[in-house]
Protein backbone atom coordinates (compact mmCIF):
# COMPACT_ATOMS: atom_id res chain seq x y z
CA MET A 1 -85.26 -52.88 -9.59
CA SER A 2 -88.60 -51.70 -10.93
CA THR A 3 -89.26 -51.07 -14.60
CA ASP A 4 -91.77 -48.81 -16.28
CA ARG A 5 -94.29 -50.17 -18.70
CA LEU A 6 -94.08 -48.22 -21.92
CA PRO A 7 -97.01 -48.42 -24.32
CA THR A 8 -97.24 -51.16 -26.91
CA PRO A 9 -97.90 -50.16 -30.54
CA GLY A 10 -100.61 -52.78 -30.99
CA PRO A 11 -103.54 -53.31 -33.39
CA ALA A 12 -105.56 -50.54 -31.71
CA LEU A 13 -103.00 -47.86 -32.59
CA PRO A 14 -104.79 -46.62 -35.75
CA ARG A 15 -107.94 -46.05 -33.66
CA LEU A 16 -105.93 -44.04 -31.14
CA ARG A 17 -104.37 -41.96 -33.92
CA ASP A 18 -107.79 -41.32 -35.52
CA ALA A 19 -109.14 -40.22 -32.14
CA LEU A 20 -106.31 -37.73 -31.65
CA VAL A 21 -107.02 -36.20 -35.06
CA ALA A 22 -110.79 -36.15 -34.50
CA ALA A 23 -110.36 -34.33 -31.19
CA GLY A 24 -108.03 -31.76 -32.75
CA PHE A 25 -104.98 -32.90 -30.78
CA THR A 26 -102.74 -31.44 -33.48
CA PRO A 27 -100.47 -28.36 -33.61
CA ASP A 28 -103.24 -26.27 -35.20
CA GLY A 29 -105.82 -27.60 -32.77
CA LEU A 30 -103.63 -26.77 -29.78
CA LEU A 31 -103.05 -23.24 -31.02
CA ASP A 32 -106.78 -22.71 -31.51
CA LEU A 33 -107.61 -24.03 -28.04
CA LEU A 34 -104.83 -22.49 -26.00
CA GLY A 35 -104.25 -19.24 -27.86
CA ALA A 36 -100.83 -17.90 -28.78
CA PRO A 37 -99.72 -16.84 -25.26
CA ALA A 38 -100.47 -20.20 -23.59
CA TYR A 39 -99.09 -22.12 -26.58
CA ALA A 40 -95.85 -20.14 -26.41
CA ALA A 41 -95.71 -20.60 -22.63
CA LEU A 42 -95.64 -24.39 -23.09
CA ALA A 43 -92.47 -23.98 -25.14
CA ARG A 44 -91.00 -22.11 -22.14
CA ASN A 45 -91.94 -25.00 -19.83
CA GLU A 46 -94.76 -22.99 -18.21
CA THR A 47 -98.04 -24.89 -17.84
CA VAL A 48 -100.31 -22.56 -15.84
CA PRO A 49 -101.77 -20.74 -18.90
CA ALA A 50 -102.55 -24.10 -20.54
CA LEU A 51 -104.21 -25.36 -17.35
CA ARG A 52 -106.45 -22.30 -17.34
CA ALA A 53 -107.29 -22.76 -21.01
CA THR A 54 -108.39 -26.38 -20.42
CA ARG A 55 -110.70 -25.84 -17.43
CA GLU A 56 -113.78 -26.61 -19.49
CA SER A 57 -114.44 -30.26 -20.29
CA GLY A 58 -114.14 -31.52 -23.82
CA PRO A 59 -112.17 -34.13 -25.79
CA LEU A 60 -109.29 -31.82 -26.69
CA GLN A 61 -109.08 -30.38 -23.18
CA ALA A 62 -108.92 -33.91 -21.78
CA LEU A 63 -106.11 -34.92 -24.13
CA VAL A 64 -104.06 -31.80 -23.34
CA ARG A 65 -104.37 -32.44 -19.61
CA LEU A 66 -103.52 -36.11 -20.01
CA PHE A 67 -100.61 -36.06 -22.41
CA LEU A 68 -99.12 -32.57 -22.15
CA LEU A 69 -99.83 -31.49 -18.58
CA GLN A 70 -99.74 -34.95 -16.92
CA HIS A 71 -102.95 -34.44 -14.95
CA PRO A 72 -105.44 -37.19 -14.17
CA VAL A 73 -108.71 -37.04 -16.07
CA PRO A 74 -112.04 -38.67 -15.13
CA TYR A 75 -112.62 -41.92 -17.00
CA GLY A 76 -115.75 -40.60 -18.69
CA GLN A 77 -113.95 -37.56 -20.10
CA ALA A 78 -111.10 -39.74 -21.36
CA ARG A 79 -113.58 -42.13 -22.99
CA ALA A 80 -115.16 -39.21 -24.86
CA ALA A 81 -111.73 -38.32 -26.28
CA LEU A 82 -110.18 -41.66 -27.25
CA PRO A 83 -110.67 -45.45 -27.09
CA VAL A 84 -109.81 -45.47 -23.42
CA ASP A 85 -110.01 -49.25 -22.86
CA ASP A 86 -107.58 -49.85 -25.73
CA ALA A 87 -105.32 -47.11 -24.38
CA LEU A 88 -105.35 -48.76 -20.95
CA ALA A 89 -104.72 -52.22 -22.37
CA ASP A 90 -101.82 -51.05 -24.55
CA GLY A 91 -100.25 -48.98 -21.77
CA TRP A 92 -100.84 -45.42 -22.97
CA LEU A 93 -102.95 -44.79 -19.86
CA ARG A 94 -103.10 -46.27 -16.36
CA PRO A 95 -105.62 -46.06 -13.51
CA ALA A 96 -105.04 -43.05 -11.28
CA GLY A 97 -107.22 -43.92 -8.30
CA GLY A 98 -110.94 -43.49 -8.09
CA ASP A 99 -112.67 -43.00 -11.40
CA ALA A 100 -109.70 -41.42 -13.19
CA VAL A 101 -106.87 -42.26 -15.54
CA ARG A 102 -103.52 -40.66 -16.27
CA ALA A 103 -100.97 -40.88 -19.08
CA THR A 104 -97.88 -43.05 -18.86
CA VAL A 105 -95.96 -40.99 -21.45
CA ASP A 106 -95.85 -37.50 -22.91
CA VAL A 107 -97.41 -37.22 -26.36
CA ARG A 108 -96.68 -33.92 -28.10
CA PRO A 109 -98.45 -32.93 -31.36
CA TYR A 110 -95.84 -32.02 -33.97
CA GLY A 111 -96.34 -30.73 -37.49
CA GLY A 112 -94.59 -32.37 -40.42
CA PRO A 113 -93.03 -30.30 -43.22
CA ASP A 114 -95.92 -30.96 -45.59
CA GLY A 115 -98.67 -30.40 -43.03
CA GLN A 116 -98.64 -33.92 -41.60
CA ASN A 117 -100.00 -34.46 -38.11
CA TRP A 118 -97.34 -36.28 -36.10
CA TRP A 119 -96.90 -37.02 -32.40
CA ILE A 120 -93.62 -37.27 -30.48
CA VAL A 121 -93.65 -39.70 -27.56
CA SER A 122 -91.29 -39.13 -24.63
CA ASP A 123 -90.96 -39.54 -20.88
CA LEU A 124 -93.49 -37.94 -18.57
CA GLY A 125 -92.60 -34.41 -17.61
CA CYS A 126 -90.04 -34.02 -20.38
CA ALA A 127 -92.05 -32.55 -23.24
CA VAL A 128 -92.79 -29.36 -21.33
CA GLY A 129 -90.38 -29.49 -18.41
CA GLY A 130 -87.05 -30.75 -19.64
CA ALA A 131 -85.17 -33.15 -17.40
CA GLY A 132 -86.21 -31.10 -14.40
CA GLY A 133 -89.87 -31.64 -15.25
CA ILE A 134 -89.68 -35.22 -14.04
CA ARG A 135 -89.82 -33.91 -10.49
CA THR A 136 -93.23 -32.36 -10.97
CA ALA A 137 -95.01 -34.72 -13.34
CA GLY A 138 -98.68 -34.97 -12.48
CA ASP A 139 -100.51 -33.13 -9.76
CA THR A 140 -100.54 -35.81 -7.06
CA GLY A 141 -97.00 -35.32 -5.82
CA GLU A 142 -95.85 -38.69 -7.13
CA ALA A 143 -92.68 -38.81 -9.18
CA ALA A 144 -92.85 -40.27 -12.64
CA ALA A 145 -90.12 -42.91 -12.52
CA PRO A 146 -88.75 -44.14 -15.82
CA GLU A 147 -87.11 -47.50 -16.23
CA GLY A 148 -84.60 -47.96 -13.45
CA GLY A 149 -87.04 -46.86 -10.76
CA ALA A 150 -86.11 -44.42 -8.01
CA ASP A 151 -82.87 -43.47 -6.33
CA PRO A 152 -82.85 -45.62 -3.18
CA ALA A 153 -80.99 -42.93 -1.24
CA THR A 154 -83.29 -40.01 -2.00
CA GLY A 155 -86.52 -41.57 -3.27
CA ALA A 156 -86.37 -39.21 -6.27
CA ALA A 157 -87.13 -40.53 -9.73
CA ASP A 158 -84.10 -41.97 -11.51
CA ARG A 159 -83.57 -39.53 -14.35
CA SER A 160 -80.38 -41.01 -15.78
CA GLN A 161 -82.17 -42.81 -18.63
CA LEU A 162 -84.68 -40.10 -19.50
CA VAL A 163 -85.88 -39.68 -23.06
CA LEU A 164 -86.83 -36.11 -23.89
CA GLY A 165 -89.38 -34.91 -26.40
CA VAL A 166 -89.43 -31.96 -28.78
CA GLY A 167 -86.93 -29.21 -28.02
CA GLY A 168 -85.21 -26.33 -29.74
CA ALA A 169 -82.16 -28.43 -30.62
CA SER A 170 -84.17 -31.20 -32.27
CA THR A 171 -86.28 -28.79 -34.34
CA THR A 172 -83.15 -26.87 -35.35
CA LEU A 173 -81.50 -30.03 -36.64
CA ALA A 174 -84.66 -31.07 -38.47
CA GLY A 175 -84.76 -27.65 -40.12
CA ILE A 176 -81.17 -27.60 -41.39
CA THR A 177 -81.17 -31.17 -42.72
CA VAL A 178 -80.87 -31.64 -46.48
CA ARG A 179 -84.11 -33.34 -47.60
CA THR A 180 -83.27 -34.80 -50.99
CA PRO A 181 -84.55 -38.35 -51.62
CA VAL A 182 -81.99 -40.93 -50.48
CA SER A 183 -81.68 -44.67 -50.25
CA ARG A 184 -80.25 -45.02 -46.73
CA ALA A 185 -80.43 -42.66 -43.73
CA LEU A 186 -78.98 -43.02 -40.24
CA ASP A 187 -80.31 -41.26 -37.13
CA LEU A 188 -77.44 -41.56 -34.67
CA GLY A 189 -78.68 -41.05 -31.10
CA SER A 190 -82.37 -41.16 -31.96
CA GLY A 191 -83.86 -40.19 -28.60
CA SER A 192 -87.61 -39.92 -29.06
CA GLY A 193 -87.31 -40.42 -32.82
CA ILE A 194 -87.87 -36.94 -34.24
CA GLN A 195 -85.05 -37.11 -36.79
CA ALA A 196 -85.93 -40.67 -37.80
CA LEU A 197 -89.53 -39.53 -38.36
CA HIS A 198 -88.40 -36.76 -40.70
CA ALA A 199 -85.93 -39.02 -42.50
CA ALA A 200 -88.63 -41.63 -43.12
CA GLN A 201 -90.36 -39.17 -45.44
CA HIS A 202 -87.51 -39.08 -47.98
CA ALA A 203 -85.34 -42.14 -47.28
CA ALA A 204 -86.12 -45.61 -48.57
CA GLY A 205 -84.70 -47.07 -45.36
CA VAL A 206 -83.91 -45.56 -41.95
CA THR A 207 -81.62 -46.94 -39.27
CA ALA A 208 -81.93 -45.44 -35.78
CA THR A 209 -79.35 -46.05 -33.07
CA ASP A 210 -79.06 -45.08 -29.42
CA LEU A 211 -77.01 -46.13 -26.42
CA ASN A 212 -80.16 -45.98 -24.29
CA PRO A 213 -82.52 -48.92 -25.03
CA ARG A 214 -85.47 -46.89 -23.74
CA ALA A 215 -84.82 -44.32 -26.46
CA LEU A 216 -85.23 -46.98 -29.13
CA ARG A 217 -88.56 -47.99 -27.61
CA PHE A 218 -89.71 -44.38 -27.72
CA THR A 219 -88.51 -44.01 -31.31
CA ARG A 220 -90.64 -47.01 -32.23
CA LEU A 221 -93.66 -45.45 -30.51
CA THR A 222 -93.18 -42.08 -32.21
CA LEU A 223 -92.93 -43.66 -35.65
CA ALA A 224 -95.89 -45.96 -35.07
CA LEU A 225 -98.21 -43.32 -33.60
CA SER A 226 -97.33 -40.93 -36.43
CA GLY A 227 -98.04 -43.55 -39.08
CA ALA A 228 -94.45 -43.63 -40.39
CA PRO A 229 -92.64 -46.72 -41.69
CA GLU A 230 -90.71 -48.75 -39.15
CA ALA A 231 -86.99 -48.08 -38.71
CA ASP A 232 -84.17 -50.53 -38.18
CA LEU A 233 -83.45 -49.97 -34.47
CA ARG A 234 -79.94 -50.67 -33.13
CA GLN A 235 -78.55 -50.24 -29.62
CA GLY A 236 -75.00 -48.99 -29.19
CA SER A 237 -72.63 -46.03 -29.02
CA LEU A 238 -71.79 -43.75 -31.96
CA PHE A 239 -71.16 -45.77 -35.14
CA ASP A 240 -70.58 -49.08 -33.37
CA PRO A 241 -74.01 -50.57 -34.26
CA VAL A 242 -73.43 -50.05 -38.01
CA GLU A 243 -69.68 -50.66 -38.21
CA GLY A 244 -68.63 -52.39 -41.43
CA GLU A 245 -72.02 -52.01 -43.11
CA GLN A 246 -73.06 -50.31 -46.33
CA PRO A 247 -72.55 -46.52 -46.10
CA TYR A 248 -75.37 -44.02 -45.70
CA ASP A 249 -76.50 -41.18 -47.93
CA LEU A 250 -77.57 -39.12 -44.92
CA ILE A 251 -76.44 -39.20 -41.29
CA VAL A 252 -78.14 -36.94 -38.76
CA SER A 253 -77.30 -36.66 -35.09
CA ASN A 254 -78.41 -34.61 -32.12
CA PRO A 255 -75.78 -36.25 -29.90
CA PRO A 256 -75.22 -35.94 -26.14
CA PHE A 257 -72.95 -32.97 -26.79
CA VAL A 258 -72.98 -31.29 -23.37
CA ILE A 259 -69.46 -30.64 -22.09
CA SER A 260 -69.73 -31.72 -18.47
CA PRO A 261 -67.58 -33.17 -15.68
CA ARG A 262 -67.52 -36.95 -15.64
CA PRO A 263 -68.75 -38.30 -12.31
CA ALA A 264 -67.66 -41.68 -10.99
CA GLY A 265 -69.93 -44.35 -12.40
CA GLY A 266 -70.49 -42.71 -15.80
CA ALA A 267 -72.77 -40.07 -17.29
CA ARG A 268 -75.52 -38.62 -15.11
CA LEU A 269 -78.00 -38.06 -17.92
CA THR A 270 -77.44 -40.20 -21.00
CA TYR A 271 -79.48 -37.95 -23.30
CA ARG A 272 -76.97 -35.11 -22.86
CA ASP A 273 -73.75 -36.38 -21.24
CA GLY A 274 -71.72 -38.42 -23.71
CA GLY A 275 -69.27 -39.84 -21.19
CA MET A 276 -66.18 -38.47 -22.97
CA GLY A 277 -64.00 -35.62 -21.80
CA GLY A 278 -64.52 -32.11 -23.15
CA ASP A 279 -65.88 -32.07 -26.69
CA ASP A 280 -64.27 -35.41 -27.60
CA LEU A 281 -67.62 -37.03 -28.40
CA CYS A 282 -68.45 -34.47 -31.09
CA ARG A 283 -64.90 -34.62 -32.45
CA THR A 284 -65.04 -38.42 -32.63
CA LEU A 285 -68.39 -38.36 -34.39
CA VAL A 286 -67.07 -35.93 -37.02
CA GLU A 287 -63.81 -37.80 -37.52
CA ARG A 288 -65.52 -41.17 -37.98
CA ALA A 289 -68.35 -39.96 -40.20
CA ALA A 290 -66.47 -40.25 -43.51
CA ASP A 291 -66.13 -44.02 -43.10
CA HIS A 292 -69.93 -44.34 -43.02
CA LEU A 293 -70.91 -41.84 -45.73
CA ALA A 294 -71.62 -42.74 -49.33
CA GLU A 295 -70.08 -40.55 -52.02
CA GLY A 296 -72.00 -37.27 -52.08
CA GLY A 297 -73.65 -38.06 -48.74
CA TYR A 298 -74.23 -35.62 -45.91
CA CYS A 299 -73.57 -35.87 -42.18
CA GLN A 300 -75.35 -33.17 -40.19
CA LEU A 301 -75.16 -32.71 -36.45
CA LEU A 302 -75.47 -30.25 -33.62
CA ALA A 303 -72.46 -29.81 -31.38
CA ASN A 304 -70.86 -27.94 -28.51
CA TRP A 305 -67.17 -27.14 -28.65
CA GLN A 306 -64.62 -25.66 -26.32
CA HIS A 307 -62.95 -22.31 -26.85
CA VAL A 308 -59.52 -23.23 -25.57
CA GLU A 309 -57.02 -20.64 -24.44
CA GLY A 310 -54.45 -19.95 -27.13
CA GLN A 311 -56.37 -21.70 -29.94
CA ASP A 312 -58.63 -20.34 -32.66
CA TRP A 313 -61.87 -22.30 -32.47
CA ARG A 314 -62.20 -22.22 -36.28
CA GLU A 315 -58.82 -23.85 -36.79
CA ARG A 316 -59.48 -26.34 -34.02
CA LEU A 317 -62.81 -27.53 -35.47
CA SER A 318 -61.53 -27.50 -39.04
CA SER A 319 -58.86 -29.99 -37.95
CA TRP A 320 -61.64 -32.46 -37.07
CA VAL A 321 -62.88 -32.69 -40.68
CA PRO A 322 -61.89 -36.05 -42.23
CA ARG A 323 -60.09 -36.36 -45.55
CA GLY A 324 -62.31 -36.33 -48.62
CA CYS A 325 -65.05 -34.27 -46.95
CA ASP A 326 -66.19 -30.69 -47.41
CA ALA A 327 -67.52 -29.01 -44.28
CA TRP A 328 -69.62 -26.05 -43.21
CA ILE A 329 -69.29 -25.25 -39.50
CA VAL A 330 -71.55 -22.51 -38.14
CA GLN A 331 -71.22 -21.17 -34.61
CA ARG A 332 -74.59 -19.84 -33.50
CA GLU A 333 -73.93 -18.95 -29.88
CA VAL A 334 -71.10 -18.62 -27.35
CA GLN A 335 -71.48 -18.80 -23.56
CA ASP A 336 -68.93 -18.16 -20.86
CA VAL A 337 -68.22 -21.15 -18.66
CA ALA A 338 -70.38 -19.94 -15.76
CA GLN A 339 -73.42 -19.38 -17.99
CA TYR A 340 -72.91 -22.77 -19.55
CA ALA A 341 -72.72 -24.60 -16.22
CA GLU A 342 -75.83 -22.82 -14.94
CA LEU A 343 -77.80 -23.67 -18.11
CA TRP A 344 -77.22 -27.41 -17.80
CA LEU A 345 -77.55 -27.54 -14.04
CA ARG A 346 -81.00 -26.02 -14.45
CA ASP A 347 -81.79 -28.37 -17.32
CA GLY A 348 -81.12 -31.29 -14.98
CA GLY A 349 -83.24 -29.81 -12.18
CA ASP A 350 -80.23 -29.46 -9.86
CA HIS A 351 -81.29 -25.97 -8.80
CA LEU A 352 -84.43 -27.47 -7.24
CA GLY A 353 -82.53 -29.73 -4.84
CA ASP A 354 -80.06 -29.39 -1.98
CA PRO A 355 -78.18 -26.06 -2.34
CA ALA A 356 -74.97 -27.68 -1.13
CA VAL A 357 -75.20 -30.39 -3.78
CA TYR A 358 -75.94 -27.76 -6.43
CA ALA A 359 -72.92 -25.71 -5.36
CA ALA A 360 -70.66 -28.77 -5.39
CA ARG A 361 -71.76 -29.72 -8.91
CA TYR A 362 -71.35 -26.12 -10.10
CA ASP A 363 -67.83 -26.05 -8.65
CA ALA A 364 -66.98 -29.38 -10.33
CA TRP A 365 -68.04 -27.95 -13.69
CA LEU A 366 -65.84 -24.88 -13.30
CA GLU A 367 -62.96 -27.03 -12.10
CA GLU A 368 -63.23 -29.17 -15.23
CA PHE A 369 -63.20 -26.13 -17.49
CA GLU A 370 -60.22 -24.62 -15.71
CA ALA A 371 -58.25 -27.86 -16.00
CA ARG A 372 -58.89 -27.96 -19.76
CA GLY A 373 -58.13 -24.30 -20.38
CA THR A 374 -61.71 -23.77 -21.56
CA GLN A 375 -62.68 -20.11 -21.62
CA ALA A 376 -66.09 -20.41 -23.31
CA VAL A 377 -68.31 -22.93 -25.10
CA GLY A 378 -69.67 -22.58 -28.61
CA PHE A 379 -72.88 -24.11 -29.95
CA GLY A 380 -73.74 -24.62 -33.57
CA TRP A 381 -74.13 -26.83 -36.61
CA ILE A 382 -71.64 -29.02 -38.42
CA THR A 383 -72.39 -30.33 -41.90
CA LEU A 384 -70.04 -32.68 -43.74
CA ARG A 385 -70.39 -33.74 -47.35
CA LYS A 386 -68.30 -36.54 -48.74
CA SER A 387 -66.97 -34.97 -51.93
CA GLY A 388 -63.84 -37.06 -52.42
CA SER A 389 -62.04 -33.88 -53.49
CA ASP A 390 -58.32 -33.47 -52.87
CA ARG A 391 -59.06 -29.74 -52.46
CA PRO A 392 -61.70 -29.84 -49.73
CA SER A 393 -63.81 -26.80 -48.93
CA VAL A 394 -63.93 -26.23 -45.17
CA VAL A 395 -65.78 -23.13 -43.96
CA ALA A 396 -65.94 -22.33 -40.24
CA GLU A 397 -67.77 -19.12 -39.42
CA GLU A 398 -69.76 -17.35 -36.74
CA TRP A 399 -73.35 -16.43 -37.58
CA PRO A 400 -75.43 -15.56 -34.48
CA HIS A 401 -78.07 -13.64 -36.44
CA PRO A 402 -81.65 -14.78 -37.17
CA VAL A 403 -82.14 -17.23 -40.04
CA GLU A 404 -85.20 -18.50 -41.86
CA GLN A 405 -85.95 -22.17 -41.25
CA PRO A 406 -86.08 -24.63 -42.88
CA LEU A 407 -82.53 -24.26 -44.16
CA GLY A 408 -82.01 -27.66 -45.77
CA ASP A 409 -82.10 -26.27 -49.30
CA ALA A 410 -79.73 -23.45 -48.31
CA VAL A 411 -77.27 -26.01 -46.93
CA ARG A 412 -77.39 -28.07 -50.11
CA GLU A 413 -76.96 -24.95 -52.26
CA HIS A 414 -73.96 -23.87 -50.16
CA PHE A 415 -72.09 -27.01 -51.15
CA GLU A 416 -73.22 -26.80 -54.77
CA ARG A 417 -71.80 -23.27 -54.98
CA ARG A 418 -68.54 -24.47 -53.42
CA ASP A 419 -68.35 -27.16 -56.12
CA PHE A 420 -68.80 -24.51 -58.81
CA LEU A 421 -66.13 -22.23 -57.36
CA ARG A 422 -63.68 -25.09 -56.92
CA ALA A 423 -64.10 -26.15 -60.54
CA THR A 424 -64.08 -22.65 -62.10
CA ASP A 425 -60.98 -20.55 -62.66
CA ASP A 426 -61.13 -16.78 -63.14
CA ALA A 427 -61.48 -17.05 -66.91
CA GLY A 428 -64.37 -19.47 -66.48
CA LEU A 429 -65.92 -17.17 -63.89
CA LEU A 430 -65.92 -14.22 -66.30
CA ALA A 431 -67.48 -16.42 -68.98
CA THR A 432 -70.37 -17.44 -66.69
CA ARG A 433 -73.81 -15.89 -66.57
CA PHE A 434 -75.21 -15.13 -63.10
CA VAL A 435 -78.56 -14.16 -61.63
CA LEU A 436 -79.20 -12.26 -58.44
CA ALA A 437 -80.74 -14.53 -55.78
CA ASP A 438 -84.39 -14.03 -54.85
CA GLU A 439 -85.27 -11.38 -52.27
CA VAL A 440 -81.88 -9.66 -52.18
CA VAL A 441 -82.26 -5.95 -51.46
CA GLN A 442 -79.79 -3.10 -51.68
CA GLU A 443 -79.31 -0.55 -48.90
CA GLN A 444 -77.35 2.66 -49.39
CA ILE A 445 -75.75 4.11 -46.28
CA GLY A 446 -74.58 7.71 -46.11
CA ARG A 447 -75.28 11.19 -44.87
CA PRO A 448 -78.67 12.67 -45.87
CA GLY A 449 -78.36 14.80 -48.98
CA ALA A 450 -74.94 13.44 -49.98
CA ASP A 451 -74.42 12.82 -53.70
CA ASP A 452 -72.97 9.33 -53.19
CA PRO A 453 -73.49 6.73 -50.44
CA GLU A 454 -70.61 6.01 -48.08
CA TYR A 455 -71.15 2.33 -48.74
CA VAL A 456 -73.70 -0.07 -50.21
CA VAL A 457 -75.05 -3.19 -48.49
CA LEU A 458 -76.63 -6.19 -50.18
CA ARG A 459 -78.97 -8.03 -47.83
CA GLN A 460 -80.76 -11.38 -48.14
CA ASN A 461 -84.31 -11.66 -46.84
CA ARG A 462 -84.39 -15.46 -47.10
CA GLY A 463 -82.37 -18.39 -45.81
CA VAL A 464 -79.24 -17.45 -43.85
CA ARG A 465 -80.11 -13.75 -44.31
CA ARG A 466 -76.58 -12.57 -44.90
CA ALA A 467 -75.52 -9.00 -45.50
CA THR A 468 -72.35 -7.88 -47.27
CA THR A 469 -70.82 -4.54 -48.14
CA VAL A 470 -70.01 -3.89 -51.81
CA ASP A 471 -68.39 -1.06 -53.72
CA THR A 472 -69.88 0.78 -56.67
CA VAL A 473 -68.71 -1.86 -59.13
CA GLY A 474 -70.07 -4.71 -56.98
CA ALA A 475 -73.44 -3.03 -56.57
CA GLY A 476 -73.71 -2.25 -60.26
CA PHE A 477 -72.61 -5.75 -61.24
CA ALA A 478 -75.10 -7.50 -58.94
CA GLY A 479 -77.91 -5.22 -60.04
CA VAL A 480 -77.72 -6.19 -63.70
CA CYS A 481 -77.12 -9.94 -63.27
CA ASP A 482 -80.23 -11.41 -64.87
CA GLY A 483 -78.59 -14.33 -66.66
CA SER A 484 -78.50 -12.68 -70.06
CA LEU A 485 -74.83 -11.63 -70.19
CA PRO A 486 -71.60 -13.26 -69.02
CA ALA A 487 -69.79 -11.59 -66.15
CA GLY A 488 -66.94 -10.33 -68.34
CA ARG A 489 -69.30 -8.48 -70.69
CA ILE A 490 -71.00 -6.81 -67.73
CA LEU A 491 -67.66 -5.67 -66.33
CA ASP A 492 -66.67 -4.24 -69.71
CA ALA A 493 -69.87 -2.17 -69.74
CA ILE A 494 -69.27 -0.96 -66.18
CA ALA A 495 -65.68 -0.01 -67.04
CA GLN A 496 -66.94 2.07 -69.97
CA LEU A 497 -69.49 3.86 -67.76
CA LEU A 498 -66.91 4.61 -65.06
CA GLY A 499 -64.11 5.44 -67.45
CA GLU A 500 -61.92 2.62 -66.10
CA ASP A 501 -59.55 0.27 -67.86
CA PRO A 502 -61.61 -2.85 -68.70
CA VAL A 503 -58.58 -5.14 -68.47
CA GLY A 504 -57.75 -3.89 -64.99
CA LEU A 505 -61.38 -4.27 -63.88
CA ARG A 506 -61.49 -7.84 -65.20
CA ASP A 507 -58.29 -8.61 -63.29
CA ARG A 508 -59.38 -7.29 -59.89
CA THR A 509 -63.07 -8.19 -59.79
CA PRO A 510 -63.21 -12.03 -59.83
CA GLU A 511 -62.35 -12.20 -56.11
CA SER A 512 -65.41 -10.04 -55.31
CA ILE A 513 -67.61 -12.13 -57.58
CA ARG A 514 -66.41 -15.30 -55.86
CA LEU A 515 -67.39 -13.87 -52.48
CA LEU A 516 -70.88 -12.96 -53.72
CA VAL A 517 -71.31 -16.48 -55.14
CA GLU A 518 -69.91 -18.11 -52.01
CA GLN A 519 -72.39 -16.23 -49.81
CA GLY A 520 -75.35 -16.93 -52.08
CA PHE A 521 -76.03 -13.45 -53.46
CA LEU A 522 -75.20 -14.50 -57.02
CA LEU A 523 -76.16 -17.84 -58.56
CA PRO A 524 -74.49 -19.28 -61.66
CA VAL A 525 -76.91 -20.09 -64.46
CA ALA A 526 -76.84 -23.79 -65.32
CA GLY A 527 -74.98 -24.17 -68.60
CA GLY A 528 -74.47 -20.41 -68.63
CA ARG A 529 -70.95 -20.36 -70.09
CA SER A 530 -69.94 -18.30 -73.11
CA ALA A 531 -66.99 -19.07 -75.34
């Protein structure tokens, strides 16, 4: 069985990194060279606009063709862009016949949260083509075969151990992760190392695990090329590699969450197929997380879950949450079973092969869903926080609307507000001073010319970007919350203006205040209690 030769992060790596920066092989440099349409097309797995934009010779054009488009480049052009002999010796490049070289891996420029220039290393064809891109890597017709070689029956590249690069799921997870400084962080299912790279910026130590040994090699390359500290790399499934060890302050995971039929011989694509039935892998990860979290620690993951006939998905997922943990579960999208099967069949490149094989795999997917009573599949985020409370806060909600990334601070603040509400009774609530969150606007809805609006909407322009309907009291209350007066005093003033009984208003309003706090429209002032 043949094996691929992945690059070695040797002594020449700093020279390679300096060359990439000097040539402008960075997110900003790519945008300047390609222009917005071609840059956006790459994210849609379309390479023709980028090929047109790199027809002229130059260092940046050569690097784009080598590492993003998988095209051979004349040796002289490569030498003008980077230390080509070092890159050949360390395995980043290989001879391509004649006087040309080609890349052995995808290298995708990626911007860090503080403007850092990073690079994500992955399998050829996977940064811009997904798993299906492996069939068309390069322009010579040869398949880019990762470790494991080719399928002896078909001659096609063996894609079962692929390691993918930057995608929408990985950037989503990076954006929602809480980024407070921590001692220990765990990237469970590291893939090409994106989450480990982010965690290395605010964690004293990072452990990265993956069932696929090739993924750990790519994680090492991504960290090294990006100039990040080394991680402790462990091979194994789920929490097995760290069982019985000191708990972590942060656990992040973009697991192989795809709900797919299990073929004989195991998962077809290890980066997406977890090898368990239905959504058992995500359930198991959530249920086991508490044993590996330090007090106050977060576990954040992306997941797919089944919508099972006769069960409320919110109740079903809430039952996964382990004792002693708060949870925030957000469903971002729902697909019917046919859409879902088609999405992942295309992701694996099955639509490009034998139509009969495609149809058989499609049918197997639908058969699996029917047997499990699965009517649809949800996708979203699950965040756990180990609070140790005997009154855990578990919120499961649907929010398919646009949000503003990064959301890490919003996630942290969600749990802080839940702590406040859990610890504050109605009397304490009325004694608390509140401020209106930044960039909340009020919209009044009603017929033109009417004296009073039919209803009033408060809308956030930051973070989760929620909107909520409030009555006259709620709108008036929120509008004057500037931290100077406790809630009870404000309600007394509103009661006087409206001619209402202040005692009755104090009795019926705390529930509305709690909702505005829970959703982030009102923020309690630290130490803002009045006797």
